[in-house]
């Protein structure tokens, strides 16, 4: 509970002055009413006094919680990346239907998750492809977001019938358009042939070369499952390397090899994640407003 209120800030703190203005108005701007006198005045005065105290308390609390909601409380979590050496790595994952065979997708994803967890100072991106390709996460230091997303990535998320391999390479290459990193790396994992025919191979390779990306291609499964000549061509033309991963251990060795590459100097950057909490005081204010309406109707 205490941790919830740590690092809480208000985007509009001046709104917190509203309750004080309300109290001043209550004191100096009293409503003038006509007086009606009854014989048993003392009893009526006591009853109305108790009712007035309850109504005033609810009104004041209503104003307090509305002002807190207007002040917009947020909790900031700062992610600071220090000056260090690291990589910029684009992970390109095949999620086509054939990856479900022999648990290839599960094994690949498990090793990918382990690989991401070890990337302390690296910027990572994630692209998925099958019938079509898309960038799931652009280059970021926020590994938690990628790991969280990977929990929900499964075979068929981008279709199951085709393999848009070249399109995936082309799209992921655009992530490096403004990059100044010394080592730009793309790791392309697939167990199939490109049969989507959306982007020509030479166009995809040219795009990777344009931004100086070393593409490490990984053929998963048996050689008959994928086209080793195409994967070798992509890797050799971009300065990367082609690997045949016919086992989990082989896939682990490939990631270890990538770890041994020259790292780039990465400048310190700071990211701020904001969680907004205005809804909580607003909900309380709504409940108080309903109570006030009910009490006013009852007393009237």
C-alpha atoms as a PDB file:
ATOM      1  CA  UNK A   1       0.000   0.000   0.000  1.00  0.00           C
ATOM      2  CA  UNK A   2       2.827   2.390   0.873  1.00  0.00           C
ATOM      3  CA  UNK A   3       4.566   1.546  -2.400  1.00  0.00           C
ATOM      4  CA  UNK A   4       1.453   2.685  -4.283  1.00  0.00           C
ATOM      5  CA  UNK A   5       1.985   6.290  -3.171  1.00  0.00           C
ATOM      6  CA  UNK A   6       5.720   6.396  -3.887  1.00  0.00           C
ATOM      7  CA  UNK A   7       6.690   8.734  -6.745  1.00  0.00           C
ATOM      8  CA  UNK A   8       3.125  10.072  -7.059  1.00  0.00           C
ATOM      9  CA  UNK A   9       3.041  13.470  -8.752  1.00  0.00           C
ATOM     10  CA  UNK A  10       0.253  15.789  -9.898  1.00  0.00           C
ATOM     11  CA  UNK A  11       0.236  17.069 -13.471  1.00  0.00           C
ATOM     12  CA  UNK A  12      -2.037  19.998 -12.486  1.00  0.00           C
ATOM     13  CA  UNK A  13      -1.257  20.649  -8.786  1.00  0.00           C
ATOM     14  CA  UNK A  14      -3.043  24.022  -8.766  1.00  0.00           C
ATOM     15  CA  UNK A  15      -6.343  22.111  -8.895  1.00  0.00           C
ATOM     16  CA  UNK A  16      -5.685  21.048  -5.292  1.00  0.00           C
ATOM     17  CA  UNK A  17      -6.470  24.629  -4.229  1.00  0.00           C
ATOM     18  CA  UNK A  18     -10.153  24.158  -5.148  1.00  0.00           C
ATOM     19  CA  UNK A  19     -11.189  22.745  -1.698  1.00  0.00           C
ATOM     20  CA  UNK A  20      -9.739  25.841   0.011  1.00  0.00           C
ATOM     21  CA  UNK A  21     -11.680  28.124  -2.358  1.00  0.00           C
ATOM     22  CA  UNK A  22     -14.782  26.049  -1.604  1.00  0.00           C
ATOM     23  CA  UNK A  23     -14.315  26.540   2.172  1.00  0.00           C
ATOM     24  CA  UNK A  24     -13.882  30.296   1.722  1.00  0.00           C
ATOM     25  CA  UNK A  25     -17.062  30.455  -0.341  1.00  0.00           C
ATOM     26  CA  UNK A  26     -18.928  28.433   2.282  1.00  0.00           C
ATOM     27  CA  UNK A  27     -17.881  30.919   4.960  1.00  0.00           C
ATOM     28  CA  UNK A  28     -18.160  34.241   3.124  1.00  0.00           C
ATOM     29  CA  UNK A  29     -20.809  33.480   0.510  1.00  0.00           C
ATOM     30  CA  UNK A  30     -23.575  31.989   2.639  1.00  0.00           C
ATOM     31  CA  UNK A  31     -26.930  31.528   1.009  1.00  0.00           C
ATOM     32  CA  UNK A  32     -29.669  33.795   2.398  1.00  0.00           C
ATOM     33  CA  UNK A  33     -32.873  31.980   3.241  1.00  0.00           C
ATOM     34  CA  UNK A  34     -36.248  33.011   4.639  1.00  0.00           C
ATOM     35  CA  UNK A  35     -36.783  32.087   8.286  1.00  0.00           C
ATOM     36  CA  UNK A  36     -39.789  30.060   9.425  1.00  0.00           C
ATOM     37  CA  UNK A  37     -40.420  29.668  13.164  1.00  0.00           C
ATOM     38  CA  UNK A  38     -42.077  26.706  14.886  1.00  0.00           C
ATOM     39  CA  UNK A  39     -43.166  26.130  18.449  1.00  0.00           C
ATOM     40  CA  UNK A  40     -40.715  23.247  19.086  1.00  0.00           C
ATOM     41  CA  UNK A  41     -37.759  25.161  17.669  1.00  0.00           C
ATOM     42  CA  UNK A  42     -34.984  23.476  19.671  1.00  0.00           C
ATOM     43  CA  UNK A  43     -35.769  19.962  18.393  1.00  0.00           C
ATOM     44  CA  UNK A  44     -35.987  21.105  14.781  1.00  0.00           C
ATOM     45  CA  UNK A  45     -32.759  23.068  15.081  1.00  0.00           C
ATOM     46  CA  UNK A  46     -30.904  20.004  16.403  1.00  0.00           C
ATOM     47  CA  UNK A  47     -32.273  17.743  13.642  1.00  0.00           C
ATOM     48  CA  UNK A  48     -31.472  20.203  10.878  1.00  0.00           C
ATOM     49  CA  UNK A  49     -28.027  20.827  12.358  1.00  0.00           C
ATOM     50  CA  UNK A  50     -27.159  17.101  12.213  1.00  0.00           C
ATOM     51  CA  UNK A  51     -28.438  16.871   8.651  1.00  0.00           C
ATOM     52  CA  UNK A  52     -26.503  19.964   7.618  1.00  0.00           C
ATOM     53  CA  UNK A  53     -23.242  18.613   9.062  1.00  0.00           C
ATOM     54  CA  UNK A  54     -23.594  15.350   7.092  1.00  0.00           C
ATOM     55  CA  UNK A  55     -24.465  17.157   3.856  1.00  0.00           C
ATOM     56  CA  UNK A  56     -21.642  19.672   4.268  1.00  0.00           C
ATOM     57  CA  UNK A  57     -19.125  16.899   4.991  1.00  0.00           C
ATOM     58  CA  UNK A  58     -20.182  14.971   1.870  1.00  0.00           C
ATOM     59  CA  UNK A  59     -20.058  18.176  -0.220  1.00  0.00           C
ATOM     60  CA  UNK A  60     -16.565  18.951   1.011  1.00  0.00           C
ATOM     61  CA  UNK A  61     -15.316  15.403   0.380  1.00  0.00           C
ATOM     62  CA  UNK A  62     -16.903  15.516  -3.080  1.00  0.00           C
ATOM     63  CA  UNK A  63     -14.987  18.701  -3.891  1.00  0.00           C
ATOM     64  CA  UNK A  64     -11.754  17.240  -2.448  1.00  0.00           C
ATOM     65  CA  UNK A  65     -11.869  14.090  -4.568  1.00  0.00           C
ATOM     66  CA  UNK A  66     -12.927  15.993  -7.682  1.00  0.00           C
ATOM     67  CA  UNK A  67      -9.980  18.353  -7.228  1.00  0.00           C
ATOM     68  CA  UNK A  68      -7.617  15.383  -6.801  1.00  0.00           C
ATOM     69  CA  UNK A  69      -8.960  13.876 -10.030  1.00  0.00           C
ATOM     70  CA  UNK A  70      -8.531  17.243 -11.806  1.00  0.00           C
ATOM     71  CA  UNK A  71      -4.962  17.495 -10.469  1.00  0.00           C
ATOM     72  CA  UNK A  72      -4.345  14.211 -12.374  1.00  0.00           C
ATOM     73  CA  UNK A  73      -2.140  12.113 -10.064  1.00  0.00           C
ATOM     74  CA  UNK A  74       0.465  10.046 -11.920  1.00  0.00           C
ATOM     75  CA  UNK A  75       3.160   7.622 -10.865  1.00  0.00           C
ATOM     76  CA  UNK A  76       6.411   7.907 -12.777  1.00  0.00           C
ATOM     77  CA  UNK A  77       8.819   5.025 -13.276  1.00  0.00           C
ATOM     78  CA  UNK A  78      12.088   6.159 -14.789  1.00  0.00           C
ATOM     79  CA  UNK A  79      14.101   3.818 -16.985  1.00  0.00           C
ATOM     80  CA  UNK A  80      17.655   5.115 -17.211  1.00  0.00           C
ATOM     81  CA  UNK A  81      20.062   3.548 -19.672  1.00  0.00           C
ATOM     82  CA  UNK A  82      23.655   4.406 -18.806  1.00  0.00           C
ATOM     83  CA  UNK A  83      26.553   5.047 -21.177  1.00  0.00           C
ATOM     84  CA  UNK A  84      27.609   1.568 -22.096  1.00  0.00           C
ATOM     85  CA  UNK A  85      28.300  -0.736 -24.987  1.00  0.00           C
ATOM     86  CA  UNK A  86      25.567  -2.782 -26.538  1.00  0.00           C
ATOM     87  CA  UNK A  87      23.787  -3.844 -29.688  1.00  0.00           C
ATOM     88  CA  UNK A  88      20.772  -2.794 -31.668  1.00  0.00           C
ATOM     89  CA  UNK A  89      19.091  -6.056 -32.544  1.00  0.00           C
ATOM     90  CA  UNK A  90      15.987  -6.679 -34.610  1.00  0.00           C
ATOM     91  CA  UNK A  91      14.452 -10.088 -33.937  1.00  0.00           C
ATOM     92  CA  UNK A  92      12.479 -11.417 -36.916  1.00  0.00           C
ATOM     93  CA  UNK A  93      10.373 -14.422 -35.970  1.00  0.00           C
ATOM     94  CA  UNK A  94       8.603 -16.858 -38.310  1.00  0.00           C
ATOM     95  CA  UNK A  95       5.121 -17.636 -36.933  1.00  0.00           C
ATOM     96  CA  UNK A  96       3.775 -19.539 -39.958  1.00  0.00           C
ATOM     97  CA  UNK A  97       1.840 -22.779 -39.705  1.00  0.00           C
ATOM     98  CA  UNK A  98       4.841 -25.065 -40.304  1.00  0.00           C
ATOM     99  CA  UNK A  99       6.506 -23.775 -37.114  1.00  0.00           C
ATOM    100  CA  UNK A 100       4.043 -25.772 -35.046  1.00  0.00           C
ATOM    101  CA  UNK A 101       5.619 -29.054 -36.223  1.00  0.00           C
ATOM    102  CA  UNK A 102       7.907 -30.780 -33.706  1.00  0.00           C
ATOM    103  CA  UNK A 103       7.309 -27.871 -31.289  1.00  0.00           C
ATOM    104  CA  UNK A 104       9.703 -25.705 -33.338  1.00  0.00           C
ATOM    105  CA  UNK A 105       7.922 -22.478 -32.465  1.00  0.00           C
ATOM    106  CA  UNK A 106       7.802 -23.212 -28.728  1.00  0.00           C
ATOM    107  CA  UNK A 107      11.506 -24.111 -28.564  1.00  0.00           C
ATOM    108  CA  UNK A 108      12.450 -21.063 -30.640  1.00  0.00           C
ATOM    109  CA  UNK A 109      10.349 -18.736 -28.504  1.00  0.00           C
ATOM    110  CA  UNK A 110      11.752 -20.140 -25.245  1.00  0.00           C
ATOM    111  CA  UNK A 111      15.335 -19.535 -26.392  1.00  0.00           C
ATOM    112  CA  UNK A 112      14.361 -16.107 -27.728  1.00  0.00           C
ATOM    113  CA  UNK A 113      12.941 -15.174 -24.312  1.00  0.00           C
ATOM    114  CA  UNK A 114      16.125 -16.317 -22.598  1.00  0.00           C
ATOM    115  CA  UNK A 115      18.179 -14.338 -25.133  1.00  0.00           C
ATOM    116  CA  UNK A 116      16.164 -11.155 -24.499  1.00  0.00           C
ATOM    117  CA  UNK A 117      16.552 -11.454 -20.720  1.00  0.00           C
ATOM    118  CA  UNK A 118      20.347 -11.371 -21.120  1.00  0.00           C
ATOM    119  CA  UNK A 119      20.343  -8.179 -23.216  1.00  0.00           C
ATOM    120  CA  UNK A 120      21.068  -5.660 -20.448  1.00  0.00           C
ATOM    121  CA  UNK A 121      22.240  -2.654 -22.493  1.00  0.00           C
ATOM    122  CA  UNK A 122      20.806  -3.469 -25.898  1.00  0.00           C
ATOM    123  CA  UNK A 123      17.992  -1.954 -27.899  1.00  0.00           C
ATOM    124  CA  UNK A 124      15.714  -4.651 -29.243  1.00  0.00           C
ATOM    125  CA  UNK A 125      12.904  -4.834 -31.760  1.00  0.00           C
ATOM    126  CA  UNK A 126      10.519  -7.644 -32.646  1.00  0.00           C
ATOM    127  CA  UNK A 127       8.923  -8.408 -36.010  1.00  0.00           C
ATOM    128  CA  UNK A 128       6.528 -11.278 -36.768  1.00  0.00           C
ATOM    129  CA  UNK A 129       5.766 -12.808 -40.146  1.00  0.00           C
ATOM    130  CA  UNK A 130       3.650 -15.503 -41.754  1.00  0.00           C
ATOM    131  CA  UNK A 131       1.015 -14.586 -44.401  1.00  0.00           C
ATOM    132  CA  UNK A 132       2.128 -10.985 -43.854  1.00  0.00           C
ATOM    133  CA  UNK A 133       4.810  -9.258 -41.811  1.00  0.00           C
ATOM    134  CA  UNK A 134       4.531  -6.538 -39.202  1.00  0.00           C
ATOM    135  CA  UNK A 135       6.702  -4.812 -36.617  1.00  0.00           C
ATOM    136  CA  UNK A 136       5.337  -5.849 -33.227  1.00  0.00           C
ATOM    137  CA  UNK A 137       7.777  -3.739 -31.165  1.00  0.00           C
ATOM    138  CA  UNK A 138      10.118  -1.043 -32.561  1.00  0.00           C
ATOM    139  CA  UNK A 139      13.665  -0.623 -31.217  1.00  0.00           C
ATOM    140  CA  UNK A 140      13.404  -0.119 -27.458  1.00  0.00           C
ATOM    141  CA  UNK A 141      15.273  -0.625 -24.181  1.00  0.00           C
ATOM    142  CA  UNK A 142      12.048  -1.834 -22.565  1.00  0.00           C
ATOM    143  CA  UNK A 143      12.609  -5.578 -22.589  1.00  0.00           C
ATOM    144  CA  UNK A 144       9.624  -6.158 -20.306  1.00  0.00           C
ATOM    145  CA  UNK A 145       7.243  -5.027 -23.047  1.00  0.00           C
ATOM    146  CA  UNK A 146       8.755  -7.444 -25.576  1.00  0.00           C
ATOM    147  CA  UNK A 147       8.709 -10.342 -23.103  1.00  0.00           C
ATOM    148  CA  UNK A 148       5.108  -9.586 -22.168  1.00  0.00           C
ATOM    149  CA  UNK A 149       4.088  -9.478 -25.831  1.00  0.00           C
ATOM    150  CA  UNK A 150       5.867 -12.756 -26.598  1.00  0.00           C
ATOM    151  CA  UNK A 151       3.590 -14.528 -24.105  1.00  0.00           C
ATOM    152  CA  UNK A 152       0.714 -13.942 -26.524  1.00  0.00           C
ATOM    153  CA  UNK A 153       2.566 -14.570 -29.782  1.00  0.00           C
ATOM    154  CA  UNK A 154       1.761 -17.961 -31.250  1.00  0.00           C
ATOM    155  CA  UNK A 155       1.594 -19.762 -34.571  1.00  0.00           C
ATOM    156  CA  UNK A 156      -1.166 -18.296 -36.720  1.00  0.00           C
ATOM    157  CA  UNK A 157      -1.043 -14.783 -35.274  1.00  0.00           C
ATOM    158  CA  UNK A 158      -0.176 -13.496 -38.757  1.00  0.00           C
ATOM    159  CA  UNK A 159      -1.830 -16.312 -40.722  1.00  0.00           C
ATOM    160  CA  UNK A 160      -0.668 -19.879 -41.349  1.00  0.00           C
ATOM    161  CA  UNK A 161      -0.572 -20.579 -45.074  1.00  0.00           C
ATOM    162  CA  UNK A 162       2.276 -18.394 -46.342  1.00  0.00           C
ATOM    163  CA  UNK A 163       5.726 -17.159 -45.360  1.00  0.00           C
ATOM    164  CA  UNK A 164       6.404 -13.471 -46.072  1.00  0.00           C
ATOM    165  CA  UNK A 165      10.105 -13.763 -45.296  1.00  0.00           C
ATOM    166  CA  UNK A 166      11.412 -11.024 -47.599  1.00  0.00           C
ATOM    167  CA  UNK A 167       8.676  -8.624 -46.535  1.00  0.00           C
ATOM    168  CA  UNK A 168       9.673  -9.155 -42.891  1.00  0.00           C
ATOM    169  CA  UNK A 169      13.314  -8.365 -43.645  1.00  0.00           C
ATOM    170  CA  UNK A 170      12.328  -5.246 -45.585  1.00  0.00           C
ATOM    171  CA  UNK A 171      10.033  -3.891 -42.855  1.00  0.00           C
ATOM    172  CA  UNK A 172      12.443  -4.589 -39.998  1.00  0.00           C
ATOM    173  CA  UNK A 173      15.270  -2.878 -41.902  1.00  0.00           C
ATOM    174  CA  UNK A 174      13.316   0.386 -41.796  1.00  0.00           C
ATOM    175  CA  UNK A 175      13.723   0.375 -38.018  1.00  0.00           C
ATOM    176  CA  UNK A 176      17.382   1.364 -38.498  1.00  0.00           C
ATOM    177  CA  UNK A 177      16.662   4.370 -40.678  1.00  0.00           C
ATOM    178  CA  UNK A 178      17.920   6.863 -38.065  1.00  0.00           C
ATOM    179  CA  UNK A 179      20.254   4.555 -36.168  1.00  0.00           C
ATOM    180  CA  UNK A 180      23.866   5.542 -35.517  1.00  0.00           C
ATOM    181  CA  UNK A 181      24.895   2.262 -33.865  1.00  0.00           C
ATOM    182  CA  UNK A 182      28.144   0.618 -34.966  1.00  0.00           C
ATOM    183  CA  UNK A 183      26.628  -2.856 -34.905  1.00  0.00           C
ATOM    184  CA  UNK A 184      23.157  -3.139 -36.424  1.00  0.00           C
ATOM    185  CA  UNK A 185      21.987  -6.693 -36.244  1.00  0.00           C
ATOM    186  CA  UNK A 186      18.955  -8.559 -37.520  1.00  0.00           C
ATOM    187  CA  UNK A 187      18.312 -12.155 -36.462  1.00  0.00           C
ATOM    188  CA  UNK A 188      15.960 -13.833 -38.891  1.00  0.00           C
ATOM    189  CA  UNK A 189      14.522 -17.188 -37.788  1.00  0.00           C
ATOM    190  CA  UNK A 190      12.535 -19.282 -40.268  1.00  0.00           C
ATOM    191  CA  UNK A 191      11.709 -22.824 -41.248  1.00  0.00           C
ATOM    192  CA  UNK A 192      10.255 -22.070 -44.662  1.00  0.00           C
ATOM    193  CA  UNK A 193      10.545 -20.587 -48.142  1.00  0.00           C
ATOM    194  CA  UNK A 194       9.189 -17.172 -49.070  1.00  0.00           C
ATOM    195  CA  UNK A 195       5.945 -17.818 -50.946  1.00  0.00           C
ATOM    196  CA  UNK A 196       4.070 -14.577 -50.237  1.00  0.00           C
ATOM    197  CA  UNK A 197       5.704 -12.773 -53.213  1.00  0.00           C
ATOM    198  CA  UNK A 198       5.119  -9.320 -51.707  1.00  0.00           C
ATOM    199  CA  UNK A 199       8.720  -8.023 -51.758  1.00  0.00           C
ATOM    200  CA  UNK A 200      11.496  -9.273 -54.101  1.00  0.00           C
ATOM    201  CA  UNK A 201      14.563 -10.767 -52.423  1.00  0.00           C
ATOM    202  CA  UNK A 202      17.000  -8.287 -53.951  1.00  0.00           C
ATOM    203  CA  UNK A 203      14.902  -5.328 -52.746  1.00  0.00           C
ATOM    204  CA  UNK A 204      14.814  -6.689 -49.184  1.00  0.00           C
ATOM    205  CA  UNK A 205      18.576  -7.323 -49.170  1.00  0.00           C
ATOM    206  CA  UNK A 206      19.286  -3.899 -50.664  1.00  0.00           C
ATOM    207  CA  UNK A 207      17.281  -2.252 -47.902  1.00  0.00           C
ATOM    208  CA  UNK A 208      19.272  -4.103 -45.214  1.00  0.00           C
ATOM    209  CA  UNK A 209      22.585  -3.171 -46.901  1.00  0.00           C
ATOM    210  CA  UNK A 210      21.512   0.457 -47.200  1.00  0.00           C
ATOM    211  CA  UNK A 211      21.333   0.803 -43.424  1.00  0.00           C
ATOM    212  CA  UNK A 212      24.387  -1.366 -42.754  1.00  0.00           C
ATOM    213  CA  UNK A 213      22.494  -4.210 -41.089  1.00  0.00           C
ATOM    214  CA  UNK A 214      24.192  -7.549 -40.576  1.00  0.00           C
ATOM    215  CA  UNK A 215      21.534 -10.184 -41.050  1.00  0.00           C
ATOM    216  CA  UNK A 216      22.069 -13.474 -39.234  1.00  0.00           C
ATOM    217  CA  UNK A 217      19.759 -16.023 -40.802  1.00  0.00           C
ATOM    218  CA  UNK A 218      18.775 -19.149 -38.910  1.00  0.00           C
ATOM    219  CA  UNK A 219      17.196 -22.106 -40.641  1.00  0.00           C
ATOM    220  CA  UNK A 220      15.110 -24.064 -38.131  1.00  0.00           C
ATOM    221  CA  UNK A 221      14.523 -27.782 -38.614  1.00  0.00           C
ATOM    222  CA  UNK A 222      15.827 -29.963 -41.419  1.00  0.00           C
ATOM    223  CA  UNK A 223      17.417 -28.519 -44.578  1.00  0.00           C
ATOM    224  CA  UNK A 224      14.406 -29.556 -46.628  1.00  0.00           C
ATOM    225  CA  UNK A 225      12.192 -27.322 -44.493  1.00  0.00           C
ATOM    226  CA  UNK A 226      13.848 -24.085 -45.622  1.00  0.00           C
ATOM    227  CA  UNK A 227      15.990 -22.777 -48.497  1.00  0.00           C
ATOM    228  CA  UNK A 228      19.624 -22.730 -47.314  1.00  0.00           C
ATOM    229  CA  UNK A 229      20.827 -21.017 -50.511  1.00  0.00           C
ATOM    230  CA  UNK A 230      18.523 -18.025 -49.975  1.00  0.00           C
ATOM    231  CA  UNK A 231      19.368 -17.730 -46.276  1.00  0.00           C
ATOM    232  CA  UNK A 232      23.083 -17.989 -47.096  1.00  0.00           C
ATOM    233  CA  UNK A 233      22.694 -15.296 -49.757  1.00  0.00           C
ATOM    234  CA  UNK A 234      20.928 -12.892 -47.363  1.00  0.00           C
ATOM    235  CA  UNK A 235      23.589 -13.406 -44.696  1.00  0.00           C
ATOM    236  CA  UNK A 236      26.644 -13.162 -46.988  1.00  0.00           C
ATOM    237  CA  UNK A 237      25.442 -10.040 -48.826  1.00  0.00           C
ATOM    238  CA  UNK A 238      24.782  -8.173 -45.576  1.00  0.00           C
ATOM    239  CA  UNK A 239      27.941  -9.286 -43.726  1.00  0.00           C
ATOM    240  CA  UNK A 240      26.085 -11.643 -41.444  1.00  0.00           C
ATOM    241  CA  UNK A 241      26.193 -15.392 -41.140  1.00  0.00           C
ATOM    242  CA  UNK A 242      23.899 -18.302 -41.929  1.00  0.00           C
ATOM    243  CA  UNK A 243      23.233 -20.977 -39.296  1.00  0.00           C
ATOM    244  CA  UNK A 244      21.466 -24.283 -39.469  1.00  0.00           C
ATOM    245  CA  UNK A 245      19.616 -24.879 -36.225  1.00  0.00           C
ATOM    246  CA  UNK A 246      18.432 -28.455 -36.226  1.00  0.00           C
ATOM    247  CA  UNK A 247      18.424 -28.684 -32.435  1.00  0.00           C
ATOM    248  CA  UNK A 248      17.819 -26.547 -29.348  1.00  0.00           C
ATOM    249  CA  UNK A 249      21.504 -26.717 -28.415  1.00  0.00           C
ATOM    250  CA  UNK A 250      22.534 -25.515 -31.864  1.00  0.00           C
ATOM    251  CA  UNK A 251      20.185 -22.546 -31.549  1.00  0.00           C
ATOM    252  CA  UNK A 252      21.756 -21.624 -28.208  1.00  0.00           C
ATOM    253  CA  UNK A 253      25.239 -21.740 -29.762  1.00  0.00           C
ATOM    254  CA  UNK A 254      24.113 -19.302 -32.457  1.00  0.00           C
ATOM    255  CA  UNK A 255      23.024 -16.742 -29.858  1.00  0.00           C
ATOM    256  CA  UNK A 256      26.344 -17.169 -28.046  1.00  0.00           C
ATOM    257  CA  UNK A 257      28.181 -16.377 -31.288  1.00  0.00           C
ATOM    258  CA  UNK A 258      26.153 -13.180 -31.729  1.00  0.00           C
ATOM    259  CA  UNK A 259      27.073 -12.188 -28.165  1.00  0.00           C
ATOM    260  CA  UNK A 260      30.749 -12.243 -29.147  1.00  0.00           C
ATOM    261  CA  UNK A 261      30.353  -9.516 -31.800  1.00  0.00           C
ATOM    262  CA  UNK A 262      31.716  -5.999 -31.371  1.00  0.00           C
ATOM    263  CA  UNK A 263      29.448  -3.812 -29.306  1.00  0.00           C
ATOM    264  CA  UNK A 264      28.526  -0.213 -30.079  1.00  0.00           C
ATOM    265  CA  UNK A 265      28.786   2.762 -27.751  1.00  0.00           C
ATOM    266  CA  UNK A 266      25.323   3.661 -26.563  1.00  0.00           C
ATOM    267  CA  UNK A 267      24.604   7.079 -25.081  1.00  0.00           C
ATOM    268  CA  UNK A 268      22.699   7.452 -21.839  1.00  0.00           C
ATOM    269  CA  UNK A 269      18.984   7.808 -22.364  1.00  0.00           C
ATOM    270  CA  UNK A 270      16.115   8.272 -19.985  1.00  0.00           C
ATOM    271  CA  UNK A 271      12.565   7.062 -20.402  1.00  0.00           C
ATOM    272  CA  UNK A 272       9.649   7.872 -18.139  1.00  0.00           C
ATOM    273  CA  UNK A 273       6.663   5.554 -17.870  1.00  0.00           C
ATOM    274  CA  UNK A 274       3.532   7.194 -16.454  1.00  0.00           C
ATOM    275  CA  UNK A 275       0.610   5.445 -14.755  1.00  0.00           C
ATOM    276  CA  UNK A 276      -2.474   7.636 -14.362  1.00  0.00           C
ATOM    277  CA  UNK A 277      -4.584   7.372 -11.184  1.00  0.00           C
ATOM    278  CA  UNK A 278      -7.237  10.075 -11.717  1.00  0.00           C
ATOM    279  CA  UNK A 279      -9.942   7.418 -12.132  1.00  0.00           C
ATOM    280  CA  UNK A 280      -9.792   6.348  -8.457  1.00  0.00           C
ATOM    281  CA  UNK A 281     -10.662   9.735  -6.874  1.00  0.00           C
ATOM    282  CA  UNK A 282     -13.165  10.312  -9.694  1.00  0.00           C
ATOM    283  CA  UNK A 283     -14.979   7.059  -8.841  1.00  0.00           C
ATOM    284  CA  UNK A 284     -15.137   8.077  -5.168  1.00  0.00           C
ATOM    285  CA  UNK A 285     -16.459  11.511  -6.170  1.00  0.00           C
ATOM    286  CA  UNK A 286     -19.233   9.885  -8.227  1.00  0.00           C
ATOM    287  CA  UNK A 287     -20.275   7.738  -5.237  1.00  0.00           C
ATOM    288  CA  UNK A 288     -20.317  10.829  -2.986  1.00  0.00           C
ATOM    289  CA  UNK A 289     -22.396  12.720  -5.561  1.00  0.00           C
ATOM    290  CA  UNK A 290     -24.977   9.910  -5.601  1.00  0.00           C
ATOM    291  CA  UNK A 291     -25.079   9.950  -1.790  1.00  0.00           C
ATOM    292  CA  UNK A 292     -25.614  13.711  -1.838  1.00  0.00           C
ATOM    293  CA  UNK A 293     -28.474  13.413  -4.317  1.00  0.00           C
ATOM    294  CA  UNK A 294     -30.156  10.720  -2.198  1.00  0.00           C
ATOM    295  CA  UNK A 295     -29.777  12.741   1.021  1.00  0.00           C
ATOM    296  CA  UNK A 296     -31.096  15.947  -0.575  1.00  0.00           C
ATOM    297  CA  UNK A 297     -34.149  14.146  -1.907  1.00  0.00           C
ATOM    298  CA  UNK A 298     -34.801  12.521   1.470  1.00  0.00           C
ATOM    299  CA  UNK A 299     -34.461  15.778   3.436  1.00  0.00           C
ATOM    300  CA  UNK A 300     -36.490  17.753   0.959  1.00  0.00           C
END
